Amino acid sequence: MRTRRIGDTQVSEIGLGAMPLSVEGRPDEPQGLATVHAALDAGITLIDTADAYSLSGADTGHNESLIAKALATYGSDTSDVLVATKGGHVRTADGAWTLDGSPEHIKQACAASLKRLGVEAIGLYQFHRPDPRVPVADSVGALRDLLDEGKIRYAGVSNFDPAEIRAANSILGGRLAAVQNQFSPSFRSSEPELDLCAELGIAFLPWSPFGGSDNAGRLGDRFAVFAEVGQAHEVSPQQVCLAWMLAKADVVIPIPGSSRPQSIRDSAAASDLELSPAEIDKLDNA
C-alpha cells in the first residue's frame, strides 16, 4: 500500500470509513471486527470513526469502541495505525442527528473518545460539522486548545467550505491537518475545497466516495463509464473510482465505507491501479 501524508505522519492512501459498522443496517460484531482486520491485512493504516456513529444517543461511541476492540484483538502491531475520530455531531434518543459545536461539548466529547479508544492522545480529531448556532471560530478554538493540551496529535474539520477552511487553518496557527468533505463521481461540489487543500498541503479525505454506503453500484448515473474503465483493467468500478480520486491530487486520501471484509479488500487494491491520462480525462467528464 502506498502512503500519503496527514500532518507529519504517513498513512495508507486508502483509508477505512468505519461508519457502516455501527449505524442502521450494521453487521454483527464478529463481521465488524473481521472487516477492520481485513483492512489492516490489506495495509490500511487510516481508520475513520466518530462518536456519533451509532444507532441512537443510548449507543453513542459504538463505532469507537468497536475500532478499539478490533485493534486490540488484531494480533499484530498496530502502532502505525492513525485513528481519526470526530465530535460535534450528536445522535438523539430516537436516532435523529443533531449538532452541538459548543467548545464545552467538543472538549467533553474528546475526553469521552479518548477513554473509549484507550489512548493518551487521539491521532486525528475532527470537528464533525459546523453548528449554525455556534461561531466556527469558537468550535475550531476548542480544537486549538486540545492540540495545545496534547490531547490530540492532529486537528481536522469536516463539511467546511473554502472560507471556513482558511479561517480554521488561521485559528489553528497553520496546523489544520485534514479536511473531510463529501466527494464522489455524482457529488463533485467539493472540488473547490479539494483544490484549496492541494494548494495548502492539507489532506483531503473524501467521505462517501461511491455516493453511498459500501453497496455495489453506488456511483450514480456515471456508473457505466467507471464500469467500462474497470472492465479494461479487470477491476471493479469502485476501484476505478478510488484511483480516479487519488489521481486528482497527492493530498487526497479516500475513506470508503465498508461493512464486509471483501469490500474493503477490493477498495484497498485501488492503490495498485494506474489510470492513463486519457482514462482520467474520460472519468473527469463523465
C-alpha atoms as a PDB file:
ATOM      1  CA  MET A   1       0.000   0.000   0.000  1.00  0.00           C
ATOM      2  CA  ARG A   2       1.401   3.378  -0.989  1.00  0.00           C
ATOM      3  CA  THR A   3       1.195   6.185   1.525  1.00  0.00           C
ATOM      4  CA  ARG A   4       0.226   9.821   1.765  1.00  0.00           C
ATOM      5  CA  ARG A   5       0.639  12.402   4.487  1.00  0.00           C
ATOM      6  CA  ILE A   6      -1.569  13.680   7.302  1.00  0.00           C
ATOM      7  CA  GLY A   7       0.441  16.240   9.224  1.00  0.00           C
ATOM      8  CA  ASP A   8       3.887  14.685   9.570  1.00  0.00           C
ATOM      9  CA  THR A   9       2.528  11.129   9.539  1.00  0.00           C
ATOM     10  CA  GLN A  10       2.458   8.769   6.581  1.00  0.00           C
ATOM     11  CA  VAL A  11      -0.771   6.773   6.253  1.00  0.00           C
ATOM     12  CA  SER A  12      -2.127   4.400   3.632  1.00  0.00           C
ATOM     13  CA  GLU A  13      -3.509   6.264   0.640  1.00  0.00           C
ATOM     14  CA  ILE A  14      -6.795   4.392   1.076  1.00  0.00           C
ATOM     15  CA  GLY A  15      -8.451   4.542   4.485  1.00  0.00           C
ATOM     16  CA  LEU A  16     -11.328   2.654   6.065  1.00  0.00           C
ATOM     17  CA  GLY A  17     -14.555   4.546   6.667  1.00  0.00           C
ATOM     18  CA  ALA A  18     -15.952   2.645   9.645  1.00  0.00           C
ATOM     19  CA  MET A  19     -19.390   4.281   9.847  1.00  0.00           C
ATOM     20  CA  PRO A  20     -21.316   1.339   8.227  1.00  0.00           C
ATOM     21  CA  LEU A  21     -20.165  -0.908  11.075  1.00  0.00           C
ATOM     22  CA  SER A  22     -22.286   0.936  13.632  1.00  0.00           C
ATOM     23  CA  VAL A  23     -25.277   2.682  12.081  1.00  0.00           C
ATOM     24  CA  GLU A  24     -28.572   1.322  10.759  1.00  0.00           C
ATOM     25  CA  GLY A  25     -28.096  -1.984   8.938  1.00  0.00           C
ATOM     26  CA  ARG A  26     -24.803  -2.648  10.698  1.00  0.00           C
ATOM     27  CA  PRO A  27     -23.334  -6.148  10.747  1.00  0.00           C
ATOM     28  CA  ASP A  28     -22.904  -8.219  13.879  1.00  0.00           C
ATOM     29  CA  GLU A  29     -19.749  -7.649  15.911  1.00  0.00           C
ATOM     30  CA  PRO A  30     -17.738 -10.604  14.525  1.00  0.00           C
ATOM     31  CA  GLN A  31     -18.235  -9.330  10.980  1.00  0.00           C
ATOM     32  CA  GLY A  32     -17.396  -5.802  12.067  1.00  0.00           C
ATOM     33  CA  LEU A  33     -14.154  -6.937  13.667  1.00  0.00           C
ATOM     34  CA  ALA A  34     -13.340  -9.079  10.631  1.00  0.00           C
ATOM     35  CA  THR A  35     -13.830  -6.061   8.360  1.00  0.00           C
ATOM     36  CA  VAL A  36     -11.372  -3.953  10.348  1.00  0.00           C
ATOM     37  CA  HIS A  37      -8.883  -6.836  10.466  1.00  0.00           C
ATOM     38  CA  ALA A  38      -9.203  -7.277   6.685  1.00  0.00           C
ATOM     39  CA  ALA A  39      -8.409  -3.597   6.248  1.00  0.00           C
ATOM     40  CA  LEU A  40      -5.293  -3.953   8.400  1.00  0.00           C
ATOM     41  CA  ASP A  41      -4.270  -7.086   6.500  1.00  0.00           C
ATOM     42  CA  ALA A  42      -4.537  -5.083   3.267  1.00  0.00           C
ATOM     43  CA  GLY A  43      -2.135  -2.445   4.574  1.00  0.00           C
ATOM     44  CA  ILE A  44      -4.650   0.199   5.583  1.00  0.00           C
ATOM     45  CA  THR A  45      -3.302   2.407   8.376  1.00  0.00           C
ATOM     46  CA  LEU A  46      -6.019   5.085   8.499  1.00  0.00           C
ATOM     47  CA  ILE A  47      -9.360   4.311  10.157  1.00  0.00           C
ATOM     48  CA  ASP A  48     -12.054   6.982  10.286  1.00  0.00           C
ATOM     49  CA  THR A  49     -14.671   6.856  13.021  1.00  0.00           C
ATOM     50  CA  ALA A  50     -16.824   9.232  15.119  1.00  0.00           C
ATOM     51  CA  ASP A  51     -18.588   9.202  18.458  1.00  0.00           C
ATOM     52  CA  ALA A  52     -21.925   9.692  16.684  1.00  0.00           C
ATOM     53  CA  TYR A  53     -21.616   6.542  14.553  1.00  0.00           C
ATOM     54  CA  SER A  54     -24.259   4.617  16.450  1.00  0.00           C
ATOM     55  CA  LEU A  55     -27.944   3.758  16.374  1.00  0.00           C
ATOM     56  CA  SER A  56     -29.022   6.405  18.869  1.00  0.00           C
ATOM     57  CA  GLY A  57     -27.856   8.511  21.772  1.00  0.00           C
ATOM     58  CA  ALA A  58     -28.006   5.445  24.000  1.00  0.00           C
ATOM     59  CA  ASP A  59     -25.477   3.813  21.682  1.00  0.00           C
ATOM     60  CA  THR A  60     -23.049   6.766  21.427  1.00  0.00           C
ATOM     61  CA  GLY A  61     -19.454   5.670  20.913  1.00  0.00           C
ATOM     62  CA  HIS A  62     -20.309   2.248  19.474  1.00  0.00           C
ATOM     63  CA  ASN A  63     -18.001   2.686  16.500  1.00  0.00           C
ATOM     64  CA  GLU A  64     -15.062   3.970  18.520  1.00  0.00           C
ATOM     65  CA  SER A  65     -15.378   1.067  20.954  1.00  0.00           C
ATOM     66  CA  LEU A  66     -15.547  -1.404  18.072  1.00  0.00           C
ATOM     67  CA  ILE A  67     -12.416   0.062  16.466  1.00  0.00           C
ATOM     68  CA  ALA A  68     -10.563  -0.069  19.787  1.00  0.00           C
ATOM     69  CA  LYS A  69     -11.535  -3.732  20.209  1.00  0.00           C
ATOM     70  CA  ALA A  70     -10.536  -4.561  16.637  1.00  0.00           C
ATOM     71  CA  LEU A  71      -7.086  -3.038  17.113  1.00  0.00           C
ATOM     72  CA  ALA A  72      -6.619  -4.781  20.454  1.00  0.00           C
ATOM     73  CA  THR A  73      -7.556  -8.193  19.026  1.00  0.00           C
ATOM     74  CA  TYR A  74      -5.675  -7.942  15.739  1.00  0.00           C
ATOM     75  CA  GLY A  75      -2.719  -9.963  16.933  1.00  0.00           C
ATOM     76  CA  SER A  76      -0.031  -7.836  15.286  1.00  0.00           C
ATOM     77  CA  ASP A  77       1.489  -4.414  15.873  1.00  0.00           C
ATOM     78  CA  THR A  78      -0.965  -1.585  15.157  1.00  0.00           C
ATOM     79  CA  SER A  79       1.172   1.287  16.405  1.00  0.00           C
ATOM     80  CA  ASP A  80       1.342   2.736  12.887  1.00  0.00           C
ATOM     81  CA  VAL A  81      -2.464   2.965  12.567  1.00  0.00           C
ATOM     82  CA  LEU A  82      -3.839   6.508  12.709  1.00  0.00           C
ATOM     83  CA  VAL A  83      -7.365   6.529  14.146  1.00  0.00           C
ATOM     84  CA  ALA A  84      -9.326   9.609  13.125  1.00  0.00           C
ATOM     85  CA  THR A  85     -12.454  10.414  15.083  1.00  0.00           C
ATOM     86  CA  LYS A  86     -14.860  13.344  15.286  1.00  0.00           C
ATOM     87  CA  GLY A  87     -17.014  15.347  17.656  1.00  0.00           C
ATOM     88  CA  GLY A  88     -19.785  17.885  17.248  1.00  0.00           C
ATOM     89  CA  HIS A  89     -22.450  15.643  15.674  1.00  0.00           C
ATOM     90  CA  VAL A  90     -24.873  14.044  18.136  1.00  0.00           C
ATOM     91  CA  ARG A  91     -27.402  11.192  17.946  1.00  0.00           C
ATOM     92  CA  THR A  92     -30.591  11.788  19.881  1.00  0.00           C
ATOM     93  CA  ALA A  93     -32.523   9.215  21.891  1.00  0.00           C
ATOM     94  CA  ASP A  94     -34.741   8.451  18.878  1.00  0.00           C
ATOM     95  CA  GLY A  95     -31.782   8.108  16.495  1.00  0.00           C
ATOM     96  CA  ALA A  96     -32.049  11.521  14.842  1.00  0.00           C
ATOM     97  CA  TRP A  97     -28.964  13.600  14.062  1.00  0.00           C
ATOM     98  CA  THR A  98     -28.347  16.990  15.627  1.00  0.00           C
ATOM     99  CA  LEU A  99     -25.404  19.345  16.173  1.00  0.00           C
ATOM    100  CA  ASP A 100     -23.502  20.708  19.136  1.00  0.00           C
ATOM    101  CA  GLY A 101     -20.462  22.734  18.153  1.00  0.00           C
ATOM    102  CA  SER A 102     -20.016  24.422  21.502  1.00  0.00           C
ATOM    103  CA  PRO A 103     -16.455  24.350  22.813  1.00  0.00           C
ATOM    104  CA  GLU A 104     -17.703  22.717  26.002  1.00  0.00           C
ATOM    105  CA  HIS A 105     -19.302  19.845  24.121  1.00  0.00           C
ATOM    106  CA  ILE A 106     -16.320  19.320  21.817  1.00  0.00           C
ATOM    107  CA  LYS A 107     -13.930  19.081  24.754  1.00  0.00           C
ATOM    108  CA  GLN A 108     -16.247  16.726  26.656  1.00  0.00           C
ATOM    109  CA  ALA A 109     -16.713  14.597  23.520  1.00  0.00           C
ATOM    110  CA  CYS A 110     -12.953  14.418  23.015  1.00  0.00           C
ATOM    111  CA  ALA A 111     -12.460  13.276  26.602  1.00  0.00           C
ATOM    112  CA  ALA A 112     -15.035  10.509  26.111  1.00  0.00           C
ATOM    113  CA  SER A 113     -13.420   9.460  22.808  1.00  0.00           C
ATOM    114  CA  LEU A 114     -10.011   9.272  24.459  1.00  0.00           C
ATOM    115  CA  LYS A 115     -11.437   6.901  27.041  1.00  0.00           C
ATOM    116  CA  ARG A 116     -13.239   4.700  24.507  1.00  0.00           C
ATOM    117  CA  LEU A 117     -10.209   4.476  22.224  1.00  0.00           C
ATOM    118  CA  GLY A 118      -7.930   3.828  25.178  1.00  0.00           C
ATOM    119  CA  VAL A 119      -5.264   6.312  24.109  1.00  0.00           C
ATOM    120  CA  GLU A 120      -3.496   9.272  25.672  1.00  0.00           C
ATOM    121  CA  ALA A 121      -3.816  11.366  22.513  1.00  0.00           C
ATOM    122  CA  ILE A 122      -6.188  10.962  19.558  1.00  0.00           C
ATOM    123  CA  GLY A 123      -4.380  10.673  16.223  1.00  0.00           C
ATOM    124  CA  LEU A 124      -6.666  12.973  14.240  1.00  0.00           C
ATOM    125  CA  TYR A 125      -9.592  14.735  15.889  1.00  0.00           C
ATOM    126  CA  GLN A 126     -12.081  16.399  13.554  1.00  0.00           C
ATOM    127  CA  PHE A 127     -14.883  18.874  14.166  1.00  0.00           C
ATOM    128  CA  HIS A 128     -17.712  16.951  12.522  1.00  0.00           C
ATOM    129  CA  ARG A 129     -19.912  19.675  11.049  1.00  0.00           C
ATOM    130  CA  PRO A 130     -20.438  23.428  11.565  1.00  0.00           C
ATOM    131  CA  ASP A 131     -23.204  24.269  14.025  1.00  0.00           C
ATOM    132  CA  PRO A 132     -25.135  27.335  12.829  1.00  0.00           C
ATOM    133  CA  ARG A 133     -25.772  28.306  16.457  1.00  0.00           C
ATOM    134  CA  VAL A 134     -22.055  28.498  17.284  1.00  0.00           C
ATOM    135  CA  PRO A 135     -19.419  30.641  15.545  1.00  0.00           C
ATOM    136  CA  VAL A 136     -16.967  28.442  13.648  1.00  0.00           C
ATOM    137  CA  ALA A 137     -14.137  30.301  15.391  1.00  0.00           C
ATOM    138  CA  ASP A 138     -15.397  29.095  18.770  1.00  0.00           C
ATOM    139  CA  SER A 139     -15.687  25.464  17.652  1.00  0.00           C
ATOM    140  CA  VAL A 140     -12.282  25.430  15.995  1.00  0.00           C
ATOM    141  CA  GLY A 141     -10.865  27.228  19.009  1.00  0.00           C
ATOM    142  CA  ALA A 142     -11.696  24.119  21.022  1.00  0.00           C
ATOM    143  CA  LEU A 143      -9.578  22.051  18.607  1.00  0.00           C
ATOM    144  CA  ARG A 144      -6.738  24.528  19.078  1.00  0.00           C
ATOM    145  CA  ASP A 145      -6.964  24.095  22.850  1.00  0.00           C
ATOM    146  CA  LEU A 146      -6.977  20.297  22.521  1.00  0.00           C
ATOM    147  CA  LEU A 147      -3.877  20.479  20.324  1.00  0.00           C
ATOM    148  CA  ASP A 148      -2.105  22.757  22.754  1.00  0.00           C
ATOM    149  CA  GLU A 149      -3.001  20.447  25.653  1.00  0.00           C
ATOM    150  CA  GLY A 150      -1.610  17.413  23.813  1.00  0.00           C
ATOM    151  CA  LYS A 151      -4.931  15.571  23.838  1.00  0.00           C
ATOM    152  CA  ILE A 152      -4.928  15.285  20.042  1.00  0.00           C
ATOM    153  CA  ARG A 153      -1.982  14.909  17.647  1.00  0.00           C
ATOM    154  CA  TYR A 154      -3.665  16.483  14.631  1.00  0.00           C
ATOM    155  CA  ALA A 155      -6.750  18.645  14.118  1.00  0.00           C
ATOM    156  CA  GLY A 156      -9.180  18.381  11.229  1.00  0.00           C
ATOM    157  CA  VAL A 157     -12.526  19.727  10.109  1.00  0.00           C
ATOM    158  CA  SER A 158     -15.373  18.145   8.177  1.00  0.00           C
ATOM    159  CA  ASN A 159     -18.039  19.588   5.887  1.00  0.00           C
ATOM    160  CA  PHE A 160     -16.333  23.002   5.695  1.00  0.00           C
ATOM    161  CA  ASP A 161     -16.383  25.399   2.734  1.00  0.00           C
ATOM    162  CA  PRO A 162     -13.218  27.148   1.454  1.00  0.00           C
ATOM    163  CA  ALA A 163     -13.676  30.277   3.575  1.00  0.00           C
ATOM    164  CA  GLU A 164     -14.209  28.156   6.697  1.00  0.00           C
ATOM    165  CA  ILE A 165     -11.152  26.052   5.866  1.00  0.00           C
ATOM    166  CA  ARG A 166      -8.959  29.142   5.596  1.00  0.00           C
ATOM    167  CA  ALA A 167     -10.385  30.508   8.835  1.00  0.00           C
ATOM    168  CA  ALA A 168      -9.841  27.202  10.634  1.00  0.00           C
ATOM    169  CA  ASN A 169      -6.244  26.980   9.468  1.00  0.00           C
ATOM    170  CA  SER A 170      -5.635  30.519  10.694  1.00  0.00           C
ATOM    171  CA  ILE A 171      -7.219  29.852  14.099  1.00  0.00           C
ATOM    172  CA  LEU A 172      -5.081  26.726  14.425  1.00  0.00           C
ATOM    173  CA  GLY A 173      -1.926  28.650  13.591  1.00  0.00           C
ATOM    174  CA  GLY A 174      -1.406  26.816  10.301  1.00  0.00           C
ATOM    175  CA  ARG A 175      -1.874  23.418  11.960  1.00  0.00           C
ATOM    176  CA  LEU A 176      -5.010  22.244  10.133  1.00  0.00           C
ATOM    177  CA  ALA A 177      -4.037  18.724   9.072  1.00  0.00           C
ATOM    178  CA  ALA A 178      -7.122  17.417   7.262  1.00  0.00           C
ATOM    179  CA  VAL A 179     -10.447  18.321   5.700  1.00  0.00           C
ATOM    180  CA  GLN A 180     -13.130  15.646   5.320  1.00  0.00           C
ATOM    181  CA  ASN A 181     -15.876  16.532   2.848  1.00  0.00           C
ATOM    182  CA  GLN A 182     -18.313  14.600   0.728  1.00  0.00           C
ATOM    183  CA  PHE A 183     -16.927  13.917  -2.731  1.00  0.00           C
ATOM    184  CA  SER A 184     -17.838  11.289  -5.311  1.00  0.00           C
ATOM    185  CA  PRO A 185     -18.416  10.927  -9.067  1.00  0.00           C
ATOM    186  CA  SER A 186     -22.004  12.075  -8.557  1.00  0.00           C
ATOM    187  CA  PHE A 187     -21.176  14.730  -5.928  1.00  0.00           C
ATOM    188  CA  ARG A 188     -18.377  16.992  -7.106  1.00  0.00           C
ATOM    189  CA  SER A 189     -19.305  20.274  -5.474  1.00  0.00           C
ATOM    190  CA  SER A 190     -16.361  19.902  -3.092  1.00  0.00           C
ATOM    191  CA  GLU A 191     -13.845  20.396  -5.921  1.00  0.00           C
ATOM    192  CA  PRO A 192     -13.017  23.925  -4.629  1.00  0.00           C
ATOM    193  CA  GLU A 193     -12.253  22.517  -1.172  1.00  0.00           C
ATOM    194  CA  LEU A 194     -10.113  19.761  -2.706  1.00  0.00           C
ATOM    195  CA  ASP A 195      -8.189  22.313  -4.778  1.00  0.00           C
ATOM    196  CA  LEU A 196      -7.649  24.539  -1.729  1.00  0.00           C
ATOM    197  CA  CYS A 197      -6.324  21.612   0.293  1.00  0.00           C
ATOM    198  CA  ALA A 198      -3.907  20.777  -2.524  1.00  0.00           C
ATOM    199  CA  GLU A 199      -2.751  24.410  -2.519  1.00  0.00           C
ATOM    200  CA  LEU A 200      -2.241  24.453   1.257  1.00  0.00           C
ATOM    201  CA  GLY A 201      -0.836  20.936   1.611  1.00  0.00           C
ATOM    202  CA  ILE A 202      -3.743  19.773   3.782  1.00  0.00           C
ATOM    203  CA  ALA A 203      -5.006  16.194   3.490  1.00  0.00           C
ATOM    204  CA  PHE A 204      -8.418  15.928   1.800  1.00  0.00           C
ATOM    205  CA  LEU A 205     -10.480  12.920   2.895  1.00  0.00           C
ATOM    206  CA  PRO A 206     -13.475  12.270   0.600  1.00  0.00           C
ATOM    207  CA  TRP A 207     -16.310  10.679   2.537  1.00  0.00           C
ATOM    208  CA  SER A 208     -18.934   8.610   0.740  1.00  0.00           C
ATOM    209  CA  PRO A 209     -16.616   8.292  -2.306  1.00  0.00           C
ATOM    210  CA  PHE A 210     -19.009   5.922  -4.075  1.00  0.00           C
ATOM    211  CA  GLY A 211     -22.021   8.140  -3.440  1.00  0.00           C
ATOM    212  CA  GLY A 212     -23.499   5.942  -0.717  1.00  0.00           C
ATOM    213  CA  SER A 213     -22.562   3.102   1.602  1.00  0.00           C
ATOM    214  CA  ASP A 214     -20.356   0.210   0.533  1.00  0.00           C
ATOM    215  CA  ASN A 215     -23.201  -1.297  -1.503  1.00  0.00           C
ATOM    216  CA  ALA A 216     -22.069  -2.099  -5.036  1.00  0.00           C
ATOM    217  CA  GLY A 217     -23.102   0.228  -7.805  1.00  0.00           C
ATOM    218  CA  ARG A 218     -23.482   3.434  -5.807  1.00  0.00           C
ATOM    219  CA  LEU A 219     -21.786   5.604  -8.449  1.00  0.00           C
ATOM    220  CA  GLY A 220     -24.903   7.362  -9.659  1.00  0.00           C
ATOM    221  CA  ASP A 221     -25.545   7.855 -13.365  1.00  0.00           C
ATOM    222  CA  ARG A 222     -21.782   7.705 -14.036  1.00  0.00           C
ATOM    223  CA  PHE A 223     -21.609   4.016 -13.131  1.00  0.00           C
ATOM    224  CA  ALA A 224     -21.435   2.832 -16.748  1.00  0.00           C
ATOM    225  CA  VAL A 225     -18.345   4.908 -17.512  1.00  0.00           C
ATOM    226  CA  PHE A 226     -16.489   3.724 -14.408  1.00  0.00           C
ATOM    227  CA  ALA A 227     -17.542   0.139 -15.148  1.00  0.00           C
ATOM    228  CA  GLU A 228     -16.231   0.432 -18.706  1.00  0.00           C
ATOM    229  CA  VAL A 229     -12.814   1.575 -17.494  1.00  0.00           C
ATOM    230  CA  GLY A 230     -12.882  -1.140 -14.844  1.00  0.00           C
ATOM    231  CA  GLN A 231     -13.506  -3.820 -17.455  1.00  0.00           C
ATOM    232  CA  ALA A 232     -10.423  -2.696 -19.352  1.00  0.00           C
ATOM    233  CA  HIS A 233      -8.333  -3.258 -16.215  1.00  0.00           C
ATOM    234  CA  GLU A 234     -10.328  -6.269 -14.956  1.00  0.00           C
ATOM    235  CA  VAL A 235     -11.153  -4.468 -11.704  1.00  0.00           C
ATOM    236  CA  SER A 236     -14.339  -3.190 -10.073  1.00  0.00           C
ATOM    237  CA  PRO A 237     -15.857   0.226 -10.863  1.00  0.00           C
ATOM    238  CA  GLN A 238     -15.256   1.087  -7.217  1.00  0.00           C
ATOM    239  CA  GLN A 239     -11.505   0.576  -7.622  1.00  0.00           C
ATOM    240  CA  VAL A 240     -11.589   2.843 -10.661  1.00  0.00           C
ATOM    241  CA  CYS A 241     -13.434   5.475  -8.630  1.00  0.00           C
ATOM    242  CA  LEU A 242     -10.812   5.485  -5.881  1.00  0.00           C
ATOM    243  CA  ALA A 243      -7.907   5.503  -8.346  1.00  0.00           C
ATOM    244  CA  TRP A 244      -9.525   8.457 -10.138  1.00  0.00           C
ATOM    245  CA  MET A 245      -9.708  10.343  -6.846  1.00  0.00           C
ATOM    246  CA  LEU A 246      -6.096   9.542  -5.982  1.00  0.00           C
ATOM    247  CA  ALA A 247      -5.028  10.982  -9.341  1.00  0.00           C
ATOM    248  CA  LYS A 248      -6.641  14.335  -8.591  1.00  0.00           C
ATOM    249  CA  ALA A 249      -4.034  15.488  -6.060  1.00  0.00           C
ATOM    250  CA  ASP A 250      -1.475  13.898  -3.782  1.00  0.00           C
ATOM    251  CA  VAL A 251      -3.369  15.192  -0.739  1.00  0.00           C
ATOM    252  CA  VAL A 252      -6.450  13.051  -1.481  1.00  0.00           C
ATOM    253  CA  ILE A 253      -6.992  10.061   0.827  1.00  0.00           C
ATOM    254  CA  PRO A 254     -10.377   8.398   0.179  1.00  0.00           C
ATOM    255  CA  ILE A 255     -12.103   6.669   3.099  1.00  0.00           C
ATOM    256  CA  PRO A 256     -14.623   4.242   1.554  1.00  0.00           C
ATOM    257  CA  GLY A 257     -17.190   2.898   3.973  1.00  0.00           C
ATOM    258  CA  SER A 258     -17.179  -0.863   4.341  1.00  0.00           C
ATOM    259  CA  SER A 259     -19.119  -3.393   6.355  1.00  0.00           C
ATOM    260  CA  ARG A 260     -17.683  -6.542   4.764  1.00  0.00           C
ATOM    261  CA  PRO A 261     -14.100  -7.812   4.537  1.00  0.00           C
ATOM    262  CA  GLN A 262     -14.378  -8.374   0.790  1.00  0.00           C
ATOM    263  CA  SER A 263     -15.447  -4.795   0.096  1.00  0.00           C
ATOM    264  CA  ILE A 264     -12.525  -3.187   1.949  1.00  0.00           C
ATOM    265  CA  ARG A 265     -10.091  -5.621   0.312  1.00  0.00           C
ATOM    266  CA  ASP A 266     -11.382  -4.521  -3.072  1.00  0.00           C
ATOM    267  CA  SER A 267     -11.093  -0.850  -2.139  1.00  0.00           C
ATOM    268  CA  ALA A 268      -7.540  -1.270  -0.823  1.00  0.00           C
ATOM    269  CA  ALA A 269      -6.483  -2.776  -4.159  1.00  0.00           C
ATOM    270  CA  ALA A 270      -7.166   0.595  -5.822  1.00  0.00           C
ATOM    271  CA  SER A 271      -3.736   1.671  -4.596  1.00  0.00           C
ATOM    272  CA  ASP A 272      -2.236  -0.599  -7.277  1.00  0.00           C
ATOM    273  CA  LEU A 273      -4.379   0.717 -10.146  1.00  0.00           C
ATOM    274  CA  GLU A 274      -2.770   3.159 -12.570  1.00  0.00           C
ATOM    275  CA  LEU A 275      -5.135   5.044 -14.861  1.00  0.00           C
ATOM    276  CA  SER A 276      -3.952   6.610 -18.091  1.00  0.00           C
ATOM    277  CA  PRO A 277      -4.328  10.367 -18.699  1.00  0.00           C
ATOM    278  CA  ALA A 278      -6.979   9.563 -21.302  1.00  0.00           C
ATOM    279  CA  GLU A 279      -8.948   7.456 -18.808  1.00  0.00           C
ATOM    280  CA  ILE A 280      -8.729  10.164 -16.151  1.00  0.00           C
ATOM    281  CA  ASP A 281      -9.982  12.736 -18.640  1.00  0.00           C
ATOM    282  CA  LYS A 282     -12.845  10.425 -19.611  1.00  0.00           C
ATOM    283  CA  LEU A 283     -13.832   9.974 -15.977  1.00  0.00           C
ATOM    284  CA  ASP A 284     -13.499  13.704 -15.259  1.00  0.00           C
ATOM    285  CA  ASN A 285     -16.024  14.381 -17.977  1.00  0.00           C
ATOM    286  CA  ALA A 286     -18.376  11.514 -17.210  1.00  0.00           C
END
